Every structure is written in C-alpha cells, then in structure tokens.
C-alpha cells in the first residue's frame, strides 16, 4: 500500500473517532499513556490554556527555546490544512509516515486492553491524537514541549502532564455546553491545569476570573504572575512589526520586536517572556539574544497572516466575540492604508455569530458571506440574511474558493481583503494559497 493511501486511511480512522464525541475526562488519557509506556513523564513541558491566544503564545515560547538550542516539541490544535501541523519538533511537522506508524501503534495498544479486541476504551479523536503527540515527543527525545490545551483544562486530554510552568492566556465565554455558562465556571475548568508548586503565568483581567485562578493556585501552593500587575509592555510602537519595552517579573528588556500584528500579540509575547523567566528559575537557561531572535522570528499561520499582495489579503481565525474585537481593533488601524475593506466571513453555527458580526461587519465596505467545508458551518443564506440587516453591500458564495474569486474580482490593488470568522474558513483559504500544505479530506481541522 502506498504511503499516500496509508496516510489518508489513517486520517479517515482518526476523524471517524468523532463518533465517540468529546469526553472531558482523564481516565482514558491516563490509560492510553500507561499502555504507551508513560510518554507524558519523559519530557519537560509548558502547559498553555485559555480562550484566545494559546497558539500564538505557544509559538512565541517554542521559538525562544528553539533559538536557545533546545530540541522543542509543540502540540497545538486545530490544524488549518494538514493534520501534521498539530505536532512539530523544532518547527518541523511530524511526517505522514510517522503519523501512520504511531496511530497504528496507539490503536493496537488500546485494542489489546479488551480481551475481544473491540477497543473497549473507545477513545476520542483528541485522546488518540494526544497519545500520538506525547509518544512522538518522548521517542524523539525533545528537551521540552509546549503543550496547548484542546478545550477547557481540568479534564482535557493534555492534562496528564506536570509542567514547569502553567500558562492561562485569558478567559472568555466559550464552549458553554462543556465548560459552563459563567466566567467563573469556565475559569474553574481552565484553572484545572494548575499543579502543586508549579508557577502560573496569566493574562486574565476580569476580577471574578482572577479570584478563581488565585484561589486554585493558593490551594496548590503555586505562585501567580499576572499581566499588567507583575509584568507588562510599555512604549508599544509600529516599526517594521511591533516594538515594545518589556517590564518583567525580575528582568526587563528594551525594544523587543515581533512581526505578528495586533496589540493583543504584544500581550501574548509578554506572557511568553514571563514564562521564560519562570523557566529560567527551573533551570532552562536562555540568553537574551535567543529571546529577542525567537520573538522576532515567530510566525503563526492564520493570525493576521498576509498571503497575497495587491490586493493585500489577510487571514485571521477570529471565531468568537473576544477575538473578533481584538481583530477589529487592529483592522481599524490598518484601514487608513487602504481604499476599501472587503470582508470575507464564514462562521460556525454553534458560535456567537451575532457577537462576531457586530465587531467586524461595520468596518467593511463590502461583505462576502461563505462557509467552510465543515458540518457545523452556518448556512450561507442564513448568515447573509443576518448580515444584510446591518450592511447594504452583501453577497454570498457557497465555498471559500468561490468567495476568494469574488473578493479578488471586486477589489483593486489598493484594497484590503480580510478572510475571517472561523479557523475552518482560514484553513480552506490556506489550502487555496498553499495547495502543497495538505490533502483534500483533511480540512475539517478537528479541535477535539
């Protein structure tokens, strides 16, 4: 059997695990880790939870460690185009051949747990994917891995590790069907990644959330370091990217440069720098030159990512009101450099689409409504109807590639085209701009 066929069959197998749904519980995860030889105990780690900014913050941390000479694993979700994006070592994706091999090993291992070979564990997509990632990192001998939580924290499949630092980027209303209806309930789930004596770095700002984080940290004997209280950015400026001064927990740096756009990325970089301060106390030595170079070289796909010029086309995976608000703040600053803003937007039906629309639609001169190749996508005509109630220039396209054609046809070289509303929309768009990045059939980008 060819590798391409074997890989696609493996991806089909993984996606078929959706039938087991999303399980916020750790029993299967611990069992999978044990039958795979305990890989979660064989590498040092940083654990990153939060509503928004997890991926960018993880990327900043991994890049600084990599520039310092460490062999660094990073595990993130969802993928945009190819499953292999989720699991990387030194910014190199896991190979398709290794995905096939490890998925088969995990599958055979959990099926042996049941005498009749029926796979009594019934693991979910994210449980198996986490077992693949942790086994890969352990066997490849990473010095440290940056692990992004899939959903929540306390009962997420990744929460079998004891990290050197726990990071909680921020907290907002999300996944209420799994995490609770209130900020306090959601904060309680996120705070579940806090481990005894392990320092916590956080960007949370709401007092009710701060109270939950600090209460849990106190119970675990962990110190909390908060953005704007214990560390912060000063003198932020746009200058071939973004430049700012970092006032840290114990250390300060002037004129730090990042290329990721948006004031929120400065905050994410500060979270990463505070994490590095905690790592240094744990024996992970990183020189200032590596910190600076790592931050400046950090790239993160689908976060205000420029993919074409004249017209300038940006992709951003804002998929809830909080991330849409941050995106809108940056886009307002960008608009002065362009003649018009053409917004291409698609949203999942289970998201707060009214909240997302309210932030982004008023900024646009023209709106093109579309949907990603995903079962949870909101119907194009329904979304278009909602947007027409607040905007006079709206058209629709049933697929993201069709929407791109319409956007380019309606724009000039002086316009800004923004494609957003969902990471799944961004994934479909990246598949158009970077067809070599993945295969048809991988575009559902499961979050777990």
Protein backbone atom coordinates (compact mmCIF):
# COMPACT_ATOMS: atom_id res chain seq x y z
CA UNK A 1 0.00 0.00 0.00
CA UNK A 2 1.34 3.45 -0.90
CA UNK A 3 2.18 5.97 1.83
CA UNK A 4 -0.42 8.37 0.46
CA UNK A 5 -3.14 5.76 0.74
CA UNK A 6 -1.97 4.63 4.19
CA UNK A 7 -1.87 8.21 5.42
CA UNK A 8 -5.35 9.03 4.12
CA UNK A 9 -6.72 5.85 5.69
CA UNK A 10 -5.10 6.89 8.98
CA UNK A 11 -6.68 10.34 8.78
CA UNK A 12 -10.04 8.72 8.00
CA UNK A 13 -9.64 6.48 11.05
CA UNK A 14 -8.82 9.43 13.30
CA UNK A 15 -11.73 11.52 12.05
CA UNK A 16 -14.06 8.52 12.45
CA UNK A 17 -13.34 8.70 16.19
CA UNK A 18 -15.71 11.68 16.22
CA UNK A 19 -18.43 9.12 16.88
CA UNK A 20 -17.13 8.94 20.46
CA UNK A 21 -17.70 12.68 20.79
CA UNK A 22 -15.80 14.96 23.15
CA UNK A 23 -15.06 13.48 26.56
CA UNK A 24 -14.00 15.88 29.27
CA UNK A 25 -12.46 13.19 31.45
CA UNK A 26 -8.95 11.90 32.06
CA UNK A 27 -9.42 8.17 32.66
CA UNK A 28 -8.89 7.21 29.02
CA UNK A 29 -5.96 9.59 28.68
CA UNK A 30 -4.13 8.09 31.65
CA UNK A 31 -4.82 4.56 30.40
CA UNK A 32 -3.53 5.41 26.92
CA UNK A 33 -0.39 6.96 28.41
CA UNK A 34 0.30 3.91 30.53
CA UNK A 35 -0.18 1.40 27.73
CA UNK A 36 2.13 3.53 25.55
CA UNK A 37 4.86 3.40 28.19
CA UNK A 38 4.20 6.64 30.05
CA UNK A 39 5.48 9.15 27.45
CA UNK A 40 3.98 12.09 29.37
CA UNK A 41 6.62 11.59 32.07
CA UNK A 42 9.59 11.55 29.68
CA UNK A 43 9.88 15.21 28.68
CA UNK A 44 9.70 18.59 30.37
CA UNK A 45 6.83 20.82 29.35
CA UNK A 46 4.94 24.10 29.42
CA UNK A 47 1.13 23.81 29.52
CA UNK A 48 -0.92 26.57 27.82
CA UNK A 49 -4.67 27.06 28.34
CA UNK A 50 -7.02 29.97 27.64
CA UNK A 51 -9.82 31.19 25.42
CA UNK A 52 -7.76 33.10 22.84
CA UNK A 53 -4.05 33.49 22.13
CA UNK A 54 -2.98 29.97 23.11
CA UNK A 55 -1.44 29.19 19.74
CA UNK A 56 0.47 32.46 19.35
CA UNK A 57 1.74 32.35 22.94
CA UNK A 58 2.84 28.73 22.47
CA UNK A 59 4.60 29.66 19.23
CA UNK A 60 6.49 32.51 20.94
CA UNK A 61 7.64 30.22 23.77
CA UNK A 62 8.72 27.45 21.42
CA UNK A 63 10.62 29.85 19.16
CA UNK A 64 12.63 31.34 22.03
CA UNK A 65 13.53 27.89 23.37
CA UNK A 66 14.49 26.75 19.87
CA UNK A 67 16.78 29.75 19.35
CA UNK A 68 18.45 28.85 22.66
CA UNK A 69 19.43 25.48 21.21
CA UNK A 70 16.83 23.25 22.85
CA UNK A 71 15.05 20.50 20.95
CA UNK A 72 11.46 21.71 21.24
CA UNK A 73 8.17 19.95 20.63
CA UNK A 74 4.92 21.86 20.17
CA UNK A 75 1.42 20.39 20.17
CA UNK A 76 -1.45 22.63 19.06
CA UNK A 77 -4.97 22.41 17.66
CA UNK A 78 -6.83 22.65 15.43
CA UNK A 79 -4.91 22.25 12.21
CA UNK A 80 -5.72 24.54 9.32
CA UNK A 81 -4.96 22.29 6.35
CA UNK A 82 -2.91 19.24 7.31
CA UNK A 83 -3.09 17.10 10.45
CA UNK A 84 0.72 17.20 10.58
CA UNK A 85 0.56 20.88 11.62
CA UNK A 86 -0.54 19.81 15.09
CA UNK A 87 2.68 18.05 16.09
CA UNK A 88 6.08 19.62 15.42
CA UNK A 89 9.66 19.36 16.62
CA UNK A 90 11.91 22.36 16.03
CA UNK A 91 9.15 23.79 13.84
CA UNK A 92 9.24 20.75 11.52
CA UNK A 93 5.94 18.92 11.20
CA UNK A 94 5.63 15.26 12.04
CA UNK A 95 5.96 13.21 8.86
CA UNK A 96 2.97 11.47 7.33
CA UNK A 97 4.82 8.18 7.67
CA UNK A 98 5.30 8.75 11.41
CA UNK A 99 1.59 9.63 11.79
CA UNK A 100 0.68 6.33 10.14
CA UNK A 101 3.11 4.38 12.33
CA UNK A 102 2.17 5.96 15.67
CA UNK A 103 -1.58 5.92 15.02
CA UNK A 104 -1.36 2.21 14.28
CA UNK A 105 0.65 1.57 17.44
CA UNK A 106 -1.80 3.51 19.62
CA UNK A 107 -4.75 1.75 18.00
CA UNK A 108 -3.26 -1.71 18.50
CA UNK A 109 -2.31 -0.85 22.08
CA UNK A 110 -5.78 0.24 23.21
CA UNK A 111 -7.47 -2.63 21.36
CA UNK A 112 -5.34 -5.08 23.37
CA UNK A 113 -6.87 -3.69 26.56
CA UNK A 114 -10.09 -5.53 25.70
CA UNK A 115 -9.81 -9.36 25.53
CA UNK A 116 -12.10 -9.47 22.49
CA UNK A 117 -10.10 -6.78 20.69
CA UNK A 118 -13.10 -4.47 20.44
CA UNK A 119 -11.28 -1.41 21.76
CA UNK A 120 -13.23 -1.08 24.99
CA UNK A 121 -11.57 2.25 25.79
CA UNK A 122 -13.47 3.88 22.91
CA UNK A 123 -11.01 6.80 22.82
CA UNK A 124 -11.89 10.10 21.17
CA UNK A 125 -10.05 11.84 18.34
CA UNK A 126 -8.25 14.15 20.75
CA UNK A 127 -7.32 11.39 23.19
CA UNK A 128 -5.64 9.37 20.44
CA UNK A 129 -4.01 12.43 18.89
CA UNK A 130 -2.57 13.42 22.27
CA UNK A 131 -1.19 9.91 22.76
CA UNK A 132 0.44 10.12 19.30
CA UNK A 133 1.98 13.51 20.08
CA UNK A 134 3.33 12.62 23.51
CA UNK A 135 4.74 9.31 22.28
CA UNK A 136 6.44 11.12 19.40
CA UNK A 137 7.99 13.74 21.69
CA UNK A 138 9.21 11.09 24.14
CA UNK A 139 10.74 8.84 21.49
CA UNK A 140 12.33 11.73 19.59
CA UNK A 141 13.96 12.97 22.79
CA UNK A 142 12.71 16.55 22.94
CA UNK A 143 14.26 18.67 25.68
CA UNK A 144 10.96 20.41 26.35
CA UNK A 145 7.49 20.51 24.78
CA UNK A 146 4.95 23.33 24.65
CA UNK A 147 1.52 21.74 25.02
CA UNK A 148 -1.66 23.63 24.12
CA UNK A 149 -4.88 22.59 25.82
CA UNK A 150 -7.58 21.43 23.41
CA UNK A 151 -10.63 22.53 25.41
CA UNK A 152 -11.03 23.71 28.98
CA UNK A 153 -8.18 22.41 31.08
CA UNK A 154 -9.04 20.29 34.11
CA UNK A 155 -10.44 17.38 32.12
CA UNK A 156 -8.65 17.99 28.82
CA UNK A 157 -6.65 15.06 27.43
CA UNK A 158 -3.39 17.00 27.74
CA UNK A 159 -3.80 17.45 31.50
CA UNK A 160 -1.80 14.35 32.34
CA UNK A 161 1.48 16.29 32.35
CA UNK A 162 3.16 18.11 35.23
CA UNK A 163 4.72 21.12 33.51
CA UNK A 164 7.44 23.50 34.61
CA UNK A 165 5.05 26.42 34.04
CA UNK A 166 1.27 26.65 33.59
CA UNK A 167 0.03 29.44 31.32
CA UNK A 168 -3.57 30.72 31.16
CA UNK A 169 -3.71 33.35 28.44
CA UNK A 170 -7.18 34.81 29.02
CA UNK A 171 -10.71 33.62 29.69
CA UNK A 172 -13.99 34.48 28.00
CA UNK A 173 -17.31 32.76 27.37
CA UNK A 174 -16.78 29.70 25.13
CA UNK A 175 -17.90 26.08 24.78
CA UNK A 176 -20.65 26.67 27.32
CA UNK A 177 -22.17 23.24 26.65
CA UNK A 178 -18.98 21.68 28.07
CA UNK A 179 -17.37 24.28 30.33
CA UNK A 180 -20.29 26.11 31.96
CA UNK A 181 -22.35 29.25 31.41
CA UNK A 182 -20.41 31.74 33.51
CA UNK A 183 -16.89 33.13 33.51
CA UNK A 184 -16.33 31.67 36.98
CA UNK A 185 -17.31 28.17 35.84
CA UNK A 186 -15.12 28.38 32.75
CA UNK A 187 -12.25 29.77 34.83
CA UNK A 188 -12.59 26.79 37.15
CA UNK A 189 -12.08 24.44 34.21
CA UNK A 190 -9.08 26.39 32.88
CA UNK A 191 -7.54 26.60 36.36
CA UNK A 192 -7.57 22.81 36.44
CA UNK A 193 -4.17 22.79 34.71
CA UNK A 194 -2.55 24.35 37.80
CA UNK A 195 -0.30 21.79 39.50
CA UNK A 196 1.22 21.76 43.01
CA UNK A 197 4.11 24.21 43.29
CA UNK A 198 4.15 24.99 39.55
CA UNK A 199 4.16 28.75 38.78
CA UNK A 200 1.23 30.21 36.83
CA UNK A 201 1.55 32.95 34.22
CA UNK A 202 -1.73 34.55 33.16
CA UNK A 203 -3.27 37.36 31.15
CA UNK A 204 -6.72 37.19 32.77
CA UNK A 205 -8.20 40.57 33.70
CA UNK A 206 -11.77 40.05 34.98
CA UNK A 207 -11.78 40.17 38.78
CA UNK A 208 -14.10 37.17 39.12
CA UNK A 209 -11.70 35.16 36.95
CA UNK A 210 -8.63 36.39 38.81
CA UNK A 211 -10.28 35.28 42.06
CA UNK A 212 -10.82 31.74 40.73
CA UNK A 213 -7.25 31.45 39.39
CA UNK A 214 -5.67 32.78 42.58
CA UNK A 215 -7.86 30.57 44.79
CA UNK A 216 -6.86 27.43 42.89
CA UNK A 217 -3.20 28.46 42.80
CA UNK A 218 -3.28 29.09 46.55
CA UNK A 219 -4.72 25.63 47.15
CA UNK A 220 -1.91 24.15 45.06
CA UNK A 221 0.86 26.26 46.62
CA UNK A 222 1.57 27.89 43.24
CA UNK A 223 2.63 31.48 42.61
CA UNK A 224 0.57 33.51 40.11
CA UNK A 225 2.16 36.13 37.85
CA UNK A 226 -0.35 38.44 36.18
CA UNK A 227 -0.11 40.56 33.05
CA UNK A 228 -0.29 44.31 33.84
CA UNK A 229 0.40 43.59 37.52
CA UNK A 230 3.63 41.57 37.67
CA UNK A 231 4.83 42.11 34.08
CA UNK A 232 3.76 44.34 31.19
CA UNK A 233 4.61 46.02 27.90
CA UNK A 234 5.43 49.71 27.63
CA UNK A 235 6.09 52.15 24.77
CA UNK A 236 4.48 49.97 22.08
CA UNK A 237 5.01 51.21 18.53
CA UNK A 238 4.57 50.03 14.96
CA UNK A 239 8.02 49.88 13.38
CA UNK A 240 8.51 47.10 10.81
CA UNK A 241 6.33 44.99 13.03
CA UNK A 242 5.69 45.92 16.64
CA UNK A 243 8.30 47.20 19.08
CA UNK A 244 7.85 47.44 22.84
CA UNK A 245 9.70 47.51 26.14
CA UNK A 246 9.14 44.57 28.47
CA UNK A 247 8.95 45.21 32.21
CA UNK A 248 9.14 41.74 33.68
CA UNK A 249 8.86 39.86 36.94
CA UNK A 250 12.58 40.27 37.64
CA UNK A 251 14.01 41.19 34.23
CA UNK A 252 13.37 43.99 31.76
CA UNK A 253 14.21 44.38 28.07
CA UNK A 254 14.04 47.41 25.81
CA UNK A 255 12.88 47.44 22.20
CA UNK A 256 11.61 43.90 21.78
CA UNK A 257 10.43 43.31 18.21
CA UNK A 258 7.68 40.97 17.00
CA UNK A 259 6.32 40.57 13.48
CA UNK A 260 2.87 39.27 14.46
CA UNK A 261 0.34 42.09 14.13
CA UNK A 262 -2.17 43.36 16.70
CA UNK A 263 -1.77 44.83 20.18
CA UNK A 264 -3.00 41.53 21.60
CA UNK A 265 0.12 39.86 20.17
CA UNK A 266 2.25 42.18 22.31
CA UNK A 267 0.38 40.83 25.34
CA UNK A 268 0.94 37.26 24.12
CA UNK A 269 4.65 37.99 23.73
CA UNK A 270 4.73 39.34 27.30
CA UNK A 271 3.07 36.15 28.55
CA UNK A 272 5.76 34.17 26.71
CA UNK A 273 8.57 36.29 28.19
CA UNK A 274 7.17 35.89 31.72
CA UNK A 275 7.01 32.14 31.07
CA UNK A 276 10.66 32.21 30.06
CA UNK A 277 11.53 33.96 33.33
CA UNK A 278 9.85 31.10 35.21
CA UNK A 279 11.60 28.51 33.05
CA UNK A 280 14.97 30.10 33.79
CA UNK A 281 14.31 29.61 37.50
CA UNK A 282 13.58 25.95 36.71
CA UNK A 283 16.98 25.53 35.07
CA UNK A 284 16.09 26.21 31.42
CA UNK A 285 18.77 28.75 30.52
CA UNK A 286 18.03 31.13 27.65
CA UNK A 287 20.19 34.11 26.70
CA UNK A 288 18.66 37.49 25.90
CA UNK A 289 19.80 37.21 22.28
CA UNK A 290 17.78 33.99 21.89
CA UNK A 291 14.73 35.60 23.45
CA UNK A 292 14.89 38.53 21.06
CA UNK A 293 15.56 36.44 17.96
CA UNK A 294 12.90 33.88 18.84
CA UNK A 295 10.20 36.53 19.28
CA UNK A 296 11.17 38.35 16.10
CA UNK A 297 11.16 35.15 14.04
CA UNK A 298 7.86 33.79 15.36
CA UNK A 299 5.26 33.13 12.70
CA UNK A 300 1.79 31.70 13.35
CA UNK A 301 -0.43 30.69 10.48
CA UNK A 302 -3.92 32.12 10.25
CA UNK A 303 -3.40 35.01 12.67
CA UNK A 304 -3.46 38.19 10.59
CA UNK A 305 -1.41 36.25 8.08
CA UNK A 306 -0.60 38.10 4.85
CA UNK A 307 -0.99 35.64 1.96
CA UNK A 308 -1.21 37.88 -1.12
CA UNK A 309 -0.40 41.39 -2.32
CA UNK A 310 -2.39 43.91 -4.39
CA UNK A 311 -4.91 43.44 -3.11
CA UNK A 312 -3.42 42.61 0.27
CA UNK A 313 -5.23 39.53 1.55
CA UNK A 314 -5.06 38.67 5.24
CA UNK A 315 -6.33 35.55 7.02
CA UNK A 316 -7.37 35.58 10.66
CA UNK A 317 -9.07 32.82 12.60
CA UNK A 318 -11.10 35.05 14.95
CA UNK A 319 -14.04 32.82 15.90
CA UNK A 320 -15.63 34.35 18.99
CA UNK A 321 -16.60 37.91 20.01
CA UNK A 322 -13.48 38.43 22.13
CA UNK A 323 -11.05 37.53 19.33
CA UNK A 324 -13.20 39.42 16.79
CA UNK A 325 -12.99 42.54 18.96
CA UNK A 326 -9.18 42.32 19.08
CA UNK A 327 -9.06 41.77 15.32
CA UNK A 328 -11.36 44.75 14.75
CA UNK A 329 -9.08 46.99 16.80
CA UNK A 330 -6.11 46.11 14.60
CA UNK A 331 -8.07 46.33 11.34
CA UNK A 332 -9.24 49.85 12.21
CA UNK A 333 -5.58 50.86 12.43
CA UNK A 334 -4.77 49.12 9.15
CA UNK A 335 -7.70 50.57 7.18
CA UNK A 336 -6.13 54.01 6.81
CA UNK A 337 -3.56 52.49 4.43
CA UNK A 338 -6.21 51.11 2.07
CA UNK A 339 -9.04 52.39 -0.09
CA UNK A 340 -11.68 49.82 0.95
CA UNK A 341 -12.09 46.79 3.20
CA UNK A 342 -13.67 43.70 1.65
CA UNK A 343 -14.69 41.23 4.35
CA UNK A 344 -14.99 37.52 3.56
CA UNK A 345 -16.68 35.84 6.51
CA UNK A 346 -17.92 32.39 7.46
CA UNK A 347 -18.96 31.32 10.95
CA UNK A 348 -19.83 28.03 12.63
CA UNK A 349 -23.47 27.67 13.61
CA UNK A 350 -22.72 26.97 17.28
CA UNK A 351 -20.73 30.19 17.74
CA UNK A 352 -21.99 33.59 18.90
CA UNK A 353 -22.28 34.83 15.33
CA UNK A 354 -24.14 37.99 16.37
CA UNK A 355 -21.21 38.97 18.59
CA UNK A 356 -18.66 38.27 15.84
CA UNK A 357 -20.69 40.14 13.21
CA UNK A 358 -21.15 43.17 15.46
CA UNK A 359 -17.38 43.63 15.75
CA UNK A 360 -16.35 43.08 12.13
CA UNK A 361 -19.20 43.82 9.70
CA UNK A 362 -19.44 47.59 10.42
CA UNK A 363 -15.80 48.00 9.36
CA UNK A 364 -16.36 46.59 5.87
CA UNK A 365 -17.21 48.38 2.65
CA UNK A 366 -18.35 45.12 1.11
CA UNK A 367 -19.13 41.72 2.68
CA UNK A 368 -18.91 38.29 1.04
CA UNK A 369 -20.54 35.56 3.11
CA UNK A 370 -19.29 31.99 2.76
CA UNK A 371 -18.87 28.76 4.71
CA UNK A 372 -16.06 26.24 5.29
CA UNK A 373 -16.13 22.56 4.39
CA UNK A 374 -17.33 21.54 7.83
CA UNK A 375 -20.58 20.09 9.11
CA UNK A 376 -21.01 22.72 11.82
CA UNK A 377 -20.75 25.63 9.35
CA UNK A 378 -23.59 28.14 9.39
CA UNK A 379 -25.75 28.12 6.28
CA UNK A 380 -24.60 30.81 3.84
CA UNK A 381 -28.05 32.21 3.11
CA UNK A 382 -28.94 32.37 6.81
CA UNK A 383 -25.76 34.22 7.69
CA UNK A 384 -26.10 36.52 4.69
CA UNK A 385 -29.64 37.40 5.75
CA UNK A 386 -28.43 38.29 9.24
CA UNK A 387 -25.66 40.50 7.87
CA UNK A 388 -27.96 42.26 5.37
CA UNK A 389 -29.92 43.56 8.34
CA UNK A 390 -26.84 45.63 9.27
CA UNK A 391 -24.99 46.19 5.96
CA UNK A 392 -26.02 47.30 2.47
CA UNK A 393 -23.42 45.53 0.32
CA UNK A 394 -23.59 41.79 0.92
CA UNK A 395 -23.19 38.87 -1.48
CA UNK A 396 -22.66 35.17 -0.91
CA UNK A 397 -20.52 32.27 -2.09
CA UNK A 398 -21.11 28.64 -1.18
CA UNK A 399 -17.40 27.82 -0.83
CA UNK A 400 -14.32 29.70 0.34
CA UNK A 401 -12.53 29.35 -3.04
CA UNK A 402 -15.59 30.86 -4.74
CA UNK A 403 -15.60 33.69 -2.20
CA UNK A 404 -11.93 34.37 -2.94
CA UNK A 405 -12.67 34.68 -6.64
CA UNK A 406 -15.48 37.15 -5.90
CA UNK A 407 -13.31 39.15 -3.49
CA UNK A 408 -10.50 39.49 -5.99
CA UNK A 409 -12.95 40.40 -8.74
CA UNK A 410 -14.50 43.13 -6.61
CA UNK A 411 -11.20 44.62 -5.38
CA UNK A 412 -8.42 46.82 -6.67
CA UNK A 413 -4.76 46.78 -5.76
CA UNK A 414 -5.42 49.45 -3.12
CA UNK A 415 -7.99 47.42 -1.19
CA UNK A 416 -7.68 45.22 1.90
CA UNK A 417 -9.30 41.78 1.82
CA UNK A 418 -9.85 40.13 5.21
CA UNK A 419 -10.91 36.47 5.44
CA UNK A 420 -12.13 35.51 8.90
CA UNK A 421 -14.91 34.22 11.19
CA UNK A 422 -13.56 30.71 11.75
CA UNK A 423 -10.29 28.79 11.73
CA UNK A 424 -12.04 26.41 9.34
CA UNK A 425 -12.59 29.24 6.85
CA UNK A 426 -8.92 30.14 7.22
CA UNK A 427 -7.98 26.50 6.64
CA UNK A 428 -9.97 26.36 3.42
CA UNK A 429 -8.37 29.62 2.27
CA UNK A 430 -4.85 28.44 3.08
CA UNK A 431 -5.49 25.33 1.02
CA UNK A 432 -6.07 27.64 -1.95
CA UNK A 433 -2.96 29.75 -1.38
CA UNK A 434 -0.72 26.87 -0.27
CA UNK A 435 -2.06 23.74 -2.01
CA UNK A 436 1.10 21.81 -1.16
CA UNK A 437 0.40 22.19 2.59
CA UNK A 438 -2.15 19.39 2.88
CA UNK A 439 -4.54 16.99 1.23
CA UNK A 440 -8.19 17.14 0.36
CA UNK A 441 -10.09 15.42 3.15
CA UNK A 442 -8.03 16.92 5.98
CA UNK A 443 -9.82 20.23 6.05
CA UNK A 444 -12.16 19.56 8.93
CA UNK A 445 -9.46 20.54 11.40
CA UNK A 446 -10.99 18.96 14.50
CA UNK A 447 -10.44 20.77 17.76
CA UNK A 448 -11.04 17.71 19.89
